[in-house]
Structure formats: structure tokens, C-alpha cells
């Protein structure tokens, strides 16, 4: 299954709904950074939080939507995949770029979900009394993201490790 730009846009629509609901309820200034134990370690204005949140999502979605296009336009120069001579040969190049594009877009989508999850925890923390991040929930989300990143990387390496004609 290919993650389409529609999925990225849908995630941004869900973020807009999230912000539409929570933003008017958030304090100003608000806790913007938390320590390992969930205690507040820094404060920022609500506007700064909003700008940072939207900028992180915008840059992430742009990078993961544009990166596959840039890789194709450079004919794969700079790609670090096993058996490059085989996978970037003219007869395999289209398949290689297709696989990498789909996988990069999935990684981008999962990264966006992680960012939304993290910012949601910051929002919920700011609506609680006392203000405190649910650090266990953050670490579970972080561990899940790291497991996905490891699995994604391993799958990509294994996909190009073996040459089909070998």
C-alpha cells in the first residue's frame, strides 16, 4: 500500500481539528519542554508553541514528500543501498525509486504521527493541574517510533541486500 499525499493532508486536517479544539483552552504562557520525569523544564508563549508545532509538521511533510522526487532527479547519486550497481542500473532504476519513494513516504507519515502524539501530550499536560507530562506515555510512543525506525531500516537494507539474479 502506498501512502498518498491524501494521507498527509488528512493528518494535517486532524491536527487542525485538534488545534481548533484545544488551542483556545491552552494557557499563555504554557509549558513547552519537560524533563525525563515529566516535570516542566521550559515555558513558551502559546503562539510560539503553535508556530513550532505547525513548522515541525510542515517541514516533516514537505521533506518526506519532496525527498523521493529529489532522489529520482539525481538518478540515485548519494543513495547508500547495498548492490548499487545492480539496483541503480537502468533496467532496475524505476523499481528501486518506486520502493524507496513508498518507504520514505511511510517513514514520513509515521514521523508525523509521532510528532502529533508528542505535541498532544504537551497539550494535555498544559491542561492538567499540576502541569506535568505523562512521561510513561511519551516513552512508550518514543520506543514504538524507534522500533519502527529500526524495522524500516532493516527492511530497506534487506530489500536491496540480495540481487534477484544472484
N, C-alpha and C. Protein backbone atom coordinates (compact mmCIF):
# COMPACT_ATOMS: atom_id res chain seq x y z
N UNK A 1 0.84 -1.19 0.00
CA UNK A 1 0.00 0.00 0.00
C UNK A 1 0.88 1.24 0.00
N UNK A 2 0.50 2.21 -0.81
CA UNK A 2 1.28 3.43 -0.94
C UNK A 2 0.64 4.54 -0.12
N UNK A 3 1.45 5.22 0.70
CA UNK A 3 0.90 6.39 1.39
C UNK A 3 0.80 7.55 0.40
N UNK A 4 -0.36 8.04 0.20
CA UNK A 4 -0.58 9.09 -0.78
C UNK A 4 -0.50 10.46 -0.11
N UNK A 5 -0.37 11.51 -0.90
CA UNK A 5 -0.42 12.86 -0.32
C UNK A 5 -1.72 13.09 0.44
N UNK A 6 -2.77 12.36 0.08
CA UNK A 6 -4.05 12.49 0.78
C UNK A 6 -3.91 12.10 2.25
N UNK A 7 -3.11 11.07 2.55
CA UNK A 7 -2.90 10.68 3.94
C UNK A 7 -2.18 11.78 4.71
N UNK A 8 -1.20 12.41 4.07
CA UNK A 8 -0.51 13.53 4.72
C UNK A 8 -1.50 14.67 4.96
N UNK A 9 -2.31 14.97 3.97
CA UNK A 9 -3.29 16.04 4.12
C UNK A 9 -4.33 15.70 5.19
N UNK A 10 -4.76 14.45 5.22
CA UNK A 10 -5.72 14.02 6.25
C UNK A 10 -5.12 14.20 7.64
N UNK A 11 -3.86 13.85 7.79
CA UNK A 11 -3.23 14.04 9.10
C UNK A 11 -3.17 15.51 9.48
N UNK A 12 -2.94 16.38 8.50
CA UNK A 12 -2.92 17.81 8.78
C UNK A 12 -4.32 18.34 9.11
N UNK A 13 -5.34 17.78 8.49
CA UNK A 13 -6.72 18.15 8.82
C UNK A 13 -7.04 17.74 10.26
N UNK A 14 -6.59 16.56 10.65
CA UNK A 14 -6.80 16.11 12.03
C UNK A 14 -6.07 17.01 13.03
N UNK A 15 -4.88 17.47 12.66
CA UNK A 15 -4.15 18.41 13.51
C UNK A 15 -4.92 19.72 13.62
N UNK A 16 -5.48 20.19 12.52
CA UNK A 16 -6.28 21.42 12.56
C UNK A 16 -7.47 21.26 13.50
N UNK A 17 -8.11 20.10 13.47
CA UNK A 17 -9.23 19.84 14.38
C UNK A 17 -8.74 19.81 15.83
N UNK A 18 -7.60 19.16 16.04
CA UNK A 18 -7.01 19.10 17.38
C UNK A 18 -6.73 20.51 17.90
N UNK A 19 -6.10 21.32 17.07
CA UNK A 19 -5.78 22.68 17.50
C UNK A 19 -7.02 23.54 17.64
N UNK A 20 -7.99 23.34 16.77
CA UNK A 20 -9.24 24.09 16.89
C UNK A 20 -9.94 23.83 18.22
N UNK A 21 -9.83 22.60 18.69
CA UNK A 21 -10.46 22.23 19.96
C UNK A 21 -9.64 22.70 21.16
N UNK A 22 -8.34 22.44 21.13
CA UNK A 22 -7.51 22.67 22.32
C UNK A 22 -6.91 24.07 22.43
N UNK A 23 -6.57 24.69 21.33
CA UNK A 23 -5.84 25.96 21.38
C UNK A 23 -6.53 27.02 22.24
N UNK A 24 -7.84 27.22 22.11
CA UNK A 24 -8.47 28.24 22.96
C UNK A 24 -8.41 27.91 24.46
N UNK A 25 -8.19 26.66 24.81
CA UNK A 25 -8.17 26.23 26.21
C UNK A 25 -6.77 26.28 26.82
N UNK A 26 -5.74 26.45 25.97
CA UNK A 26 -4.36 26.40 26.47
C UNK A 26 -3.99 27.70 27.17
N UNK A 27 -3.19 27.58 28.24
CA UNK A 27 -2.74 28.78 28.94
C UNK A 27 -1.68 29.52 28.12
N UNK A 28 -1.45 30.75 28.48
CA UNK A 28 -0.38 31.53 27.84
C UNK A 28 0.32 32.32 28.94
N UNK A 29 1.58 32.03 29.24
CA UNK A 29 2.49 31.08 28.60
C UNK A 29 2.13 29.64 28.98
N UNK A 30 2.73 28.72 28.25
CA UNK A 30 2.48 27.31 28.51
C UNK A 30 3.79 26.55 28.63
N UNK A 31 3.73 25.42 29.32
CA UNK A 31 4.90 24.57 29.44
C UNK A 31 5.21 24.01 28.05
N UNK A 32 6.46 24.12 27.64
CA UNK A 32 6.81 23.69 26.28
C UNK A 32 7.86 22.59 26.27
N UNK A 33 8.49 22.35 27.38
CA UNK A 33 9.52 21.33 27.45
C UNK A 33 9.43 20.66 28.82
N UNK A 34 9.73 19.37 28.81
CA UNK A 34 9.59 18.58 30.03
C UNK A 34 10.82 17.71 30.23
N UNK A 35 11.14 17.45 31.49
CA UNK A 35 12.26 16.58 31.82
C UNK A 35 11.87 15.12 31.69
N UNK A 36 12.84 14.25 31.96
CA UNK A 36 12.61 12.81 31.86
C UNK A 36 11.44 12.35 32.72
N UNK A 37 11.26 12.99 33.86
CA UNK A 37 10.20 12.58 34.78
C UNK A 37 8.87 13.29 34.54
N UNK A 38 8.79 14.11 33.50
CA UNK A 38 7.54 14.78 33.16
C UNK A 38 7.37 16.16 33.74
N UNK A 39 8.35 16.62 34.54
CA UNK A 39 8.24 17.95 35.13
C UNK A 39 8.63 19.03 34.12
N UNK A 40 7.99 20.18 34.25
CA UNK A 40 8.22 21.30 33.33
C UNK A 40 9.66 21.77 33.43
N UNK A 41 10.30 21.94 32.25
CA UNK A 41 11.68 22.44 32.25
C UNK A 41 11.80 23.75 31.45
N UNK A 42 10.76 24.12 30.71
CA UNK A 42 10.80 25.39 29.96
C UNK A 42 9.38 25.84 29.63
N UNK A 43 9.25 27.14 29.42
CA UNK A 43 7.97 27.75 29.10
C UNK A 43 8.08 28.51 27.79
N UNK A 44 6.96 28.67 27.11
CA UNK A 44 6.91 29.45 25.87
C UNK A 44 5.51 30.03 25.72
N UNK A 45 5.41 31.01 24.87
CA UNK A 45 4.08 31.56 24.61
C UNK A 45 3.27 30.54 23.81
N UNK A 46 1.98 30.66 23.90
CA UNK A 46 1.09 29.78 23.15
C UNK A 46 1.35 29.93 21.65
N UNK A 47 1.61 31.15 21.22
CA UNK A 47 1.92 31.40 19.80
C UNK A 47 3.20 30.69 19.40
N UNK A 48 4.23 30.75 20.23
CA UNK A 48 5.49 30.06 19.92
C UNK A 48 5.28 28.56 19.81
N UNK A 49 4.49 28.01 20.73
CA UNK A 49 4.19 26.58 20.69
C UNK A 49 3.50 26.23 19.37
N UNK A 50 2.50 27.02 19.01
CA UNK A 50 1.74 26.77 17.79
C UNK A 50 2.65 26.85 16.56
N UNK A 51 3.49 27.85 16.49
CA UNK A 51 4.39 28.01 15.35
C UNK A 51 5.36 26.82 15.28
N UNK A 52 5.93 26.44 16.42
CA UNK A 52 6.86 25.30 16.43
C UNK A 52 6.17 24.01 16.01
N UNK A 53 4.96 23.80 16.49
CA UNK A 53 4.20 22.60 16.16
C UNK A 53 3.91 22.55 14.65
N UNK A 54 3.35 23.63 14.13
CA UNK A 54 2.99 23.65 12.71
C UNK A 54 4.22 23.61 11.81
N UNK A 55 5.28 24.27 12.23
CA UNK A 55 6.51 24.26 11.45
C UNK A 55 7.11 22.85 11.41
N UNK A 56 7.11 22.15 12.55
CA UNK A 56 7.66 20.79 12.57
C UNK A 56 6.86 19.87 11.67
N UNK A 57 5.55 20.00 11.68
CA UNK A 57 4.71 19.17 10.81
C UNK A 57 4.88 19.55 9.34
N UNK A 58 4.92 20.83 9.07
CA UNK A 58 5.07 21.29 7.69
C UNK A 58 6.39 20.88 7.08
N UNK A 59 7.46 21.07 7.83
CA UNK A 59 8.78 20.69 7.32
C UNK A 59 8.87 19.18 7.14
N UNK A 60 8.36 18.43 8.11
CA UNK A 60 8.40 16.97 8.01
C UNK A 60 7.63 16.48 6.80
N UNK A 61 6.41 16.97 6.61
CA UNK A 61 5.63 16.51 5.47
C UNK A 61 6.28 16.94 4.16
N UNK A 62 6.81 18.15 4.10
CA UNK A 62 7.45 18.62 2.87
C UNK A 62 8.69 17.79 2.55
N UNK A 63 9.52 17.53 3.55
CA UNK A 63 10.74 16.76 3.32
C UNK A 63 10.42 15.38 2.78
N UNK A 64 9.48 14.70 3.41
CA UNK A 64 9.20 13.32 3.01
C UNK A 64 8.35 13.22 1.74
N UNK A 65 7.73 14.31 1.33
CA UNK A 65 7.04 14.31 0.04
C UNK A 65 7.99 14.68 -1.09
N UNK A 66 8.95 15.55 -0.80
CA UNK A 66 9.87 16.05 -1.83
C UNK A 66 11.11 15.16 -1.99
N UNK A 67 11.57 14.56 -0.90
CA UNK A 67 12.79 13.75 -0.95
C UNK A 67 12.76 12.66 -2.03
N UNK A 68 11.69 11.90 -2.16
CA UNK A 68 11.67 10.90 -3.23
C UNK A 68 11.83 11.51 -4.63
N UNK A 69 11.26 12.67 -4.84
CA UNK A 69 11.37 13.35 -6.13
C UNK A 69 12.82 13.77 -6.37
N UNK A 70 13.46 14.30 -5.34
CA UNK A 70 14.86 14.72 -5.47
C UNK A 70 15.77 13.53 -5.73
N UNK A 71 15.51 12.42 -5.07
CA UNK A 71 16.33 11.22 -5.28
C UNK A 71 16.23 10.76 -6.73
N UNK A 72 15.03 10.79 -7.25
CA UNK A 72 14.84 10.40 -8.66
C UNK A 72 15.55 11.34 -9.61
N UNK A 73 15.47 12.62 -9.34
CA UNK A 73 16.08 13.61 -10.24
C UNK A 73 17.60 13.53 -10.24
N UNK A 74 18.18 13.03 -9.15
CA UNK A 74 19.64 12.91 -9.09
C UNK A 74 20.09 11.52 -9.54
N UNK A 75 19.16 10.73 -10.06
CA UNK A 75 19.46 9.37 -10.51
C UNK A 75 20.04 8.50 -9.40
N UNK A 76 19.73 8.81 -8.17
CA UNK A 76 20.17 7.97 -7.05
C UNK A 76 21.55 8.27 -6.54
N UNK A 77 22.22 9.29 -7.10
CA UNK A 77 23.54 9.65 -6.57
C UNK A 77 23.36 10.02 -5.11
N UNK A 78 24.20 9.46 -4.28
CA UNK A 78 24.12 9.73 -2.84
C UNK A 78 23.31 8.70 -2.08
N UNK A 79 22.60 7.84 -2.79
CA UNK A 79 21.88 6.76 -2.10
C UNK A 79 22.89 5.76 -1.55
N UNK A 80 22.65 5.31 -0.36
CA UNK A 80 23.53 4.33 0.25
C UNK A 80 22.75 3.04 0.44
N UNK A 81 22.62 2.28 -0.64
CA UNK A 81 21.94 1.00 -0.58
C UNK A 81 22.91 -0.08 -1.04
N UNK A 82 22.73 -1.30 -0.53
CA UNK A 82 23.59 -2.39 -0.98
C UNK A 82 23.40 -2.66 -2.47
N UNK A 83 24.44 -3.14 -3.12
CA UNK A 83 24.40 -3.53 -4.53
C UNK A 83 23.91 -2.40 -5.44
N UNK A 84 24.44 -1.22 -5.22
CA UNK A 84 24.02 -0.06 -6.01
C UNK A 84 24.19 -0.27 -7.50
N UNK A 85 25.26 -0.93 -7.89
CA UNK A 85 25.49 -1.14 -9.33
C UNK A 85 24.33 -1.88 -9.97
N UNK A 86 23.74 -2.81 -9.24
CA UNK A 86 22.60 -3.57 -9.75
C UNK A 86 21.31 -2.76 -9.68
N UNK A 87 21.01 -2.22 -8.48
CA UNK A 87 19.71 -1.58 -8.24
C UNK A 87 19.57 -0.23 -8.94
N UNK A 88 20.68 0.42 -9.26
CA UNK A 88 20.60 1.70 -9.97
C UNK A 88 20.90 1.57 -11.46
N UNK A 89 21.08 0.33 -11.91
CA UNK A 89 21.23 0.10 -13.35
C UNK A 89 19.92 0.50 -14.04
N UNK A 90 20.01 0.96 -15.28
CA UNK A 90 18.80 1.46 -15.97
C UNK A 90 17.61 0.49 -15.94
N UNK A 91 17.84 -0.79 -16.02
CA UNK A 91 16.73 -1.75 -16.05
C UNK A 91 16.07 -1.96 -14.68
N UNK A 92 16.73 -1.52 -13.58
CA UNK A 92 16.16 -1.68 -12.23
C UNK A 92 15.86 -0.35 -11.54
N UNK A 93 16.30 0.72 -12.16
CA UNK A 93 16.21 2.04 -11.51
C UNK A 93 14.78 2.43 -11.16
N UNK A 94 13.83 2.25 -12.05
CA UNK A 94 12.44 2.66 -11.79
C UNK A 94 11.87 1.89 -10.60
N UNK A 95 12.12 0.59 -10.55
CA UNK A 95 11.64 -0.22 -9.42
C UNK A 95 12.29 0.24 -8.12
N UNK A 96 13.58 0.51 -8.17
CA UNK A 96 14.31 0.97 -6.98
C UNK A 96 13.73 2.27 -6.46
N UNK A 97 13.53 3.23 -7.36
CA UNK A 97 12.99 4.53 -6.94
C UNK A 97 11.57 4.39 -6.41
N UNK A 98 10.81 3.50 -7.00
CA UNK A 98 9.44 3.27 -6.53
C UNK A 98 9.45 2.74 -5.09
N UNK A 99 10.27 1.74 -4.84
CA UNK A 99 10.36 1.15 -3.50
C UNK A 99 10.82 2.20 -2.49
N UNK A 100 11.86 2.93 -2.82
CA UNK A 100 12.39 3.93 -1.89
C UNK A 100 11.38 5.05 -1.66
N UNK A 101 10.69 5.47 -2.70
CA UNK A 101 9.69 6.53 -2.56
C UNK A 101 8.57 6.13 -1.61
N UNK A 102 8.04 4.94 -1.82
CA UNK A 102 6.95 4.46 -0.97
C UNK A 102 7.41 4.34 0.48
N UNK A 103 8.58 3.79 0.66
CA UNK A 103 9.07 3.60 2.03
C UNK A 103 9.41 4.92 2.71
N UNK A 104 9.96 5.87 1.98
CA UNK A 104 10.23 7.19 2.57
C UNK A 104 8.93 7.88 2.98
N UNK A 105 7.92 7.75 2.14
CA UNK A 105 6.64 8.40 2.48
C UNK A 105 6.00 7.75 3.71
N UNK A 106 6.13 6.44 3.85
CA UNK A 106 5.63 5.79 5.06
C UNK A 106 6.39 6.28 6.28
N UNK A 107 7.71 6.38 6.14
CA UNK A 107 8.51 6.86 7.27
C UNK A 107 8.10 8.28 7.64
N UNK A 108 7.85 9.10 6.65
CA UNK A 108 7.39 10.46 6.91
C UNK A 108 6.05 10.50 7.62
N UNK A 109 5.15 9.65 7.19
CA UNK A 109 3.82 9.61 7.81
C UNK A 109 3.91 9.16 9.27
N UNK A 110 4.71 8.14 9.52
CA UNK A 110 4.88 7.66 10.90
C UNK A 110 5.58 8.73 11.74
N UNK A 111 6.53 9.45 11.15
CA UNK A 111 7.20 10.54 11.87
C UNK A 111 6.19 11.63 12.24
N UNK A 112 5.30 11.94 11.31
CA UNK A 112 4.27 12.94 11.60
C UNK A 112 3.35 12.47 12.73
N UNK A 113 2.98 11.19 12.72
CA UNK A 113 2.13 10.66 13.79
C UNK A 113 2.85 10.79 15.13
N UNK A 114 4.14 10.48 15.15
CA UNK A 114 4.90 10.63 16.39
C UNK A 114 4.94 12.09 16.86
N UNK A 115 5.13 13.02 15.93
CA UNK A 115 5.14 14.44 16.29
C UNK A 115 3.78 14.88 16.84
N UNK A 116 2.71 14.43 16.19
CA UNK A 116 1.37 14.78 16.67
C UNK A 116 1.15 14.21 18.06
N UNK A 117 1.57 12.97 18.26
CA UNK A 117 1.43 12.32 19.58
C UNK A 117 2.18 13.10 20.65
N UNK A 118 3.42 13.48 20.36
CA UNK A 118 4.23 14.21 21.32
C UNK A 118 3.61 15.57 21.64
N UNK A 119 3.18 16.28 20.62
CA UNK A 119 2.56 17.58 20.86
C UNK A 119 1.23 17.44 21.59
N UNK A 120 0.52 16.37 21.31
CA UNK A 120 -0.74 16.14 22.04
C UNK A 120 -0.46 15.95 23.53
N UNK A 121 0.60 15.22 23.85
CA UNK A 121 0.95 15.04 25.25
C UNK A 121 1.31 16.37 25.91
N UNK A 122 1.96 17.26 25.17
CA UNK A 122 2.28 18.59 25.69
C UNK A 122 0.99 19.38 25.92
N UNK A 123 0.07 19.29 24.98
CA UNK A 123 -1.22 19.99 25.12
C UNK A 123 -1.97 19.49 26.35
N UNK A 124 -2.09 18.17 26.48
CA UNK A 124 -2.82 17.58 27.61
C UNK A 124 -2.14 17.94 28.93
N UNK A 125 -0.82 17.94 28.93
CA UNK A 125 -0.09 18.31 30.16
C UNK A 125 -0.42 19.73 30.58
N UNK A 126 -0.53 20.63 29.61
CA UNK A 126 -0.83 22.02 29.92
C UNK A 126 -2.25 22.23 30.40
N UNK A 127 -3.11 21.27 30.17
CA UNK A 127 -4.49 21.38 30.63
C UNK A 127 -4.70 20.67 31.96
N UNK A 128 -3.64 20.06 32.48
CA UNK A 128 -3.76 19.36 33.75
C UNK A 128 -3.25 20.24 34.88
N UNK A 129 -3.60 19.85 36.08
CA UNK A 129 -3.15 20.57 37.25
C UNK A 129 -2.66 19.56 38.29
N UNK A 130 -1.41 19.60 38.66
CA UNK A 130 -0.36 20.48 38.18
C UNK A 130 0.07 20.09 36.77
N UNK A 131 0.73 21.02 36.09
CA UNK A 131 1.19 20.75 34.73
C UNK A 131 2.32 19.74 34.79
N UNK A 132 2.08 18.61 34.13
CA UNK A 132 3.07 17.53 34.13
C UNK A 132 2.82 16.64 32.92
N UNK A 133 3.88 16.33 32.20
CA UNK A 133 3.79 15.46 31.02
C UNK A 133 3.63 14.01 31.49
N UNK A 134 2.79 13.27 30.79
CA UNK A 134 2.66 11.83 31.05
C UNK A 134 3.89 11.16 30.44
N UNK A 135 4.98 11.15 31.20
CA UNK A 135 6.25 10.70 30.65
C UNK A 135 6.22 9.24 30.22
N UNK A 136 5.48 8.40 30.92
CA UNK A 136 5.41 6.99 30.52
C UNK A 136 4.79 6.87 29.13
N UNK A 137 3.75 7.66 28.86
CA UNK A 137 3.13 7.63 27.54
C UNK A 137 4.09 8.14 26.47
N UNK A 138 4.85 9.17 26.81
CA UNK A 138 5.84 9.67 25.84
C UNK A 138 6.86 8.60 25.54
N UNK A 139 7.41 7.96 26.57
CA UNK A 139 8.47 6.97 26.35
C UNK A 139 7.96 5.75 25.60
N UNK A 140 6.71 5.37 25.82
CA UNK A 140 6.13 4.27 25.05
C UNK A 140 6.04 4.67 23.57
N UNK A 141 5.58 5.89 23.31
CA UNK A 141 5.50 6.39 21.94
C UNK A 141 6.87 6.49 21.30
N UNK A 142 7.85 6.97 22.06
CA UNK A 142 9.21 7.09 21.56
C UNK A 142 9.80 5.72 21.24
N UNK A 143 9.58 4.76 22.14
CA UNK A 143 10.07 3.40 21.91
C UNK A 143 9.42 2.79 20.67
N UNK A 144 8.12 3.01 20.51
CA UNK A 144 7.42 2.49 19.33
C UNK A 144 7.99 3.12 18.06
N UNK A 145 8.26 4.42 18.10
CA UNK A 145 8.83 5.10 16.93
C UNK A 145 10.23 4.56 16.62
N UNK A 146 11.04 4.36 17.63
CA UNK A 146 12.39 3.83 17.43
C UNK A 146 12.35 2.39 16.90
N UNK A 147 11.40 1.60 17.40
CA UNK A 147 11.24 0.24 16.87
C UNK A 147 10.84 0.28 15.41
N UNK A 148 9.92 1.17 15.07
CA UNK A 148 9.52 1.32 13.67
C UNK A 148 10.71 1.74 12.82
N UNK A 149 11.47 2.73 13.29
CA UNK A 149 12.63 3.22 12.53
C UNK A 149 13.64 2.09 12.31
N UNK A 150 13.86 1.28 13.32
CA UNK A 150 14.80 0.15 13.19
C UNK A 150 14.26 -0.88 12.20
N UNK A 151 12.99 -1.22 12.32
CA UNK A 151 12.35 -2.19 11.42
C UNK A 151 12.38 -1.66 9.99
N UNK A 152 12.07 -0.38 9.81
CA UNK A 152 12.06 0.25 8.49
C UNK A 152 13.45 0.16 7.85
N UNK A 153 14.46 0.51 8.63
CA UNK A 153 15.84 0.48 8.13
C UNK A 153 16.26 -0.94 7.77
N UNK A 154 15.97 -1.88 8.63
CA UNK A 154 16.33 -3.28 8.37
C UNK A 154 15.63 -3.79 7.11
N UNK A 155 14.35 -3.48 6.97
CA UNK A 155 13.61 -3.89 5.77
C UNK A 155 14.20 -3.30 4.50
N UNK A 156 14.59 -2.03 4.58
CA UNK A 156 15.17 -1.38 3.41
C UNK A 156 16.51 -2.03 3.04
N UNK A 157 17.34 -2.29 4.03
CA UNK A 157 18.63 -2.92 3.77
C UNK A 157 18.43 -4.32 3.19
N UNK A 158 17.55 -5.09 3.82
CA UNK A 158 17.33 -6.46 3.35
C UNK A 158 16.72 -6.48 1.95
N UNK A 159 15.90 -5.51 1.65
CA UNK A 159 15.26 -5.45 0.33
C UNK A 159 16.29 -5.33 -0.79
N UNK A 160 17.34 -4.57 -0.53
CA UNK A 160 18.35 -4.35 -1.56
C UNK A 160 19.62 -5.17 -1.35
N UNK A 161 19.65 -5.94 -0.28
CA UNK A 161 20.83 -6.74 0.02
C UNK A 161 21.06 -7.84 -1.03
N UNK A 162 19.97 -8.52 -1.38
CA UNK A 162 20.07 -9.63 -2.32
C UNK A 162 19.68 -9.20 -3.71
N UNK A 163 20.46 -9.61 -4.64
CA UNK A 163 20.12 -9.36 -6.04
C UNK A 163 19.25 -10.49 -6.51
N UNK A 164 18.14 -10.20 -7.19
CA UNK A 164 17.23 -11.26 -7.61
C UNK A 164 17.88 -12.25 -8.58
N UNK A 165 18.90 -11.80 -9.32
CA UNK A 165 19.56 -12.71 -10.28
C UNK A 165 20.74 -13.46 -9.67
N UNK A 166 20.99 -13.27 -8.39
CA UNK A 166 22.13 -13.94 -7.75
C UNK A 166 21.75 -15.27 -7.14
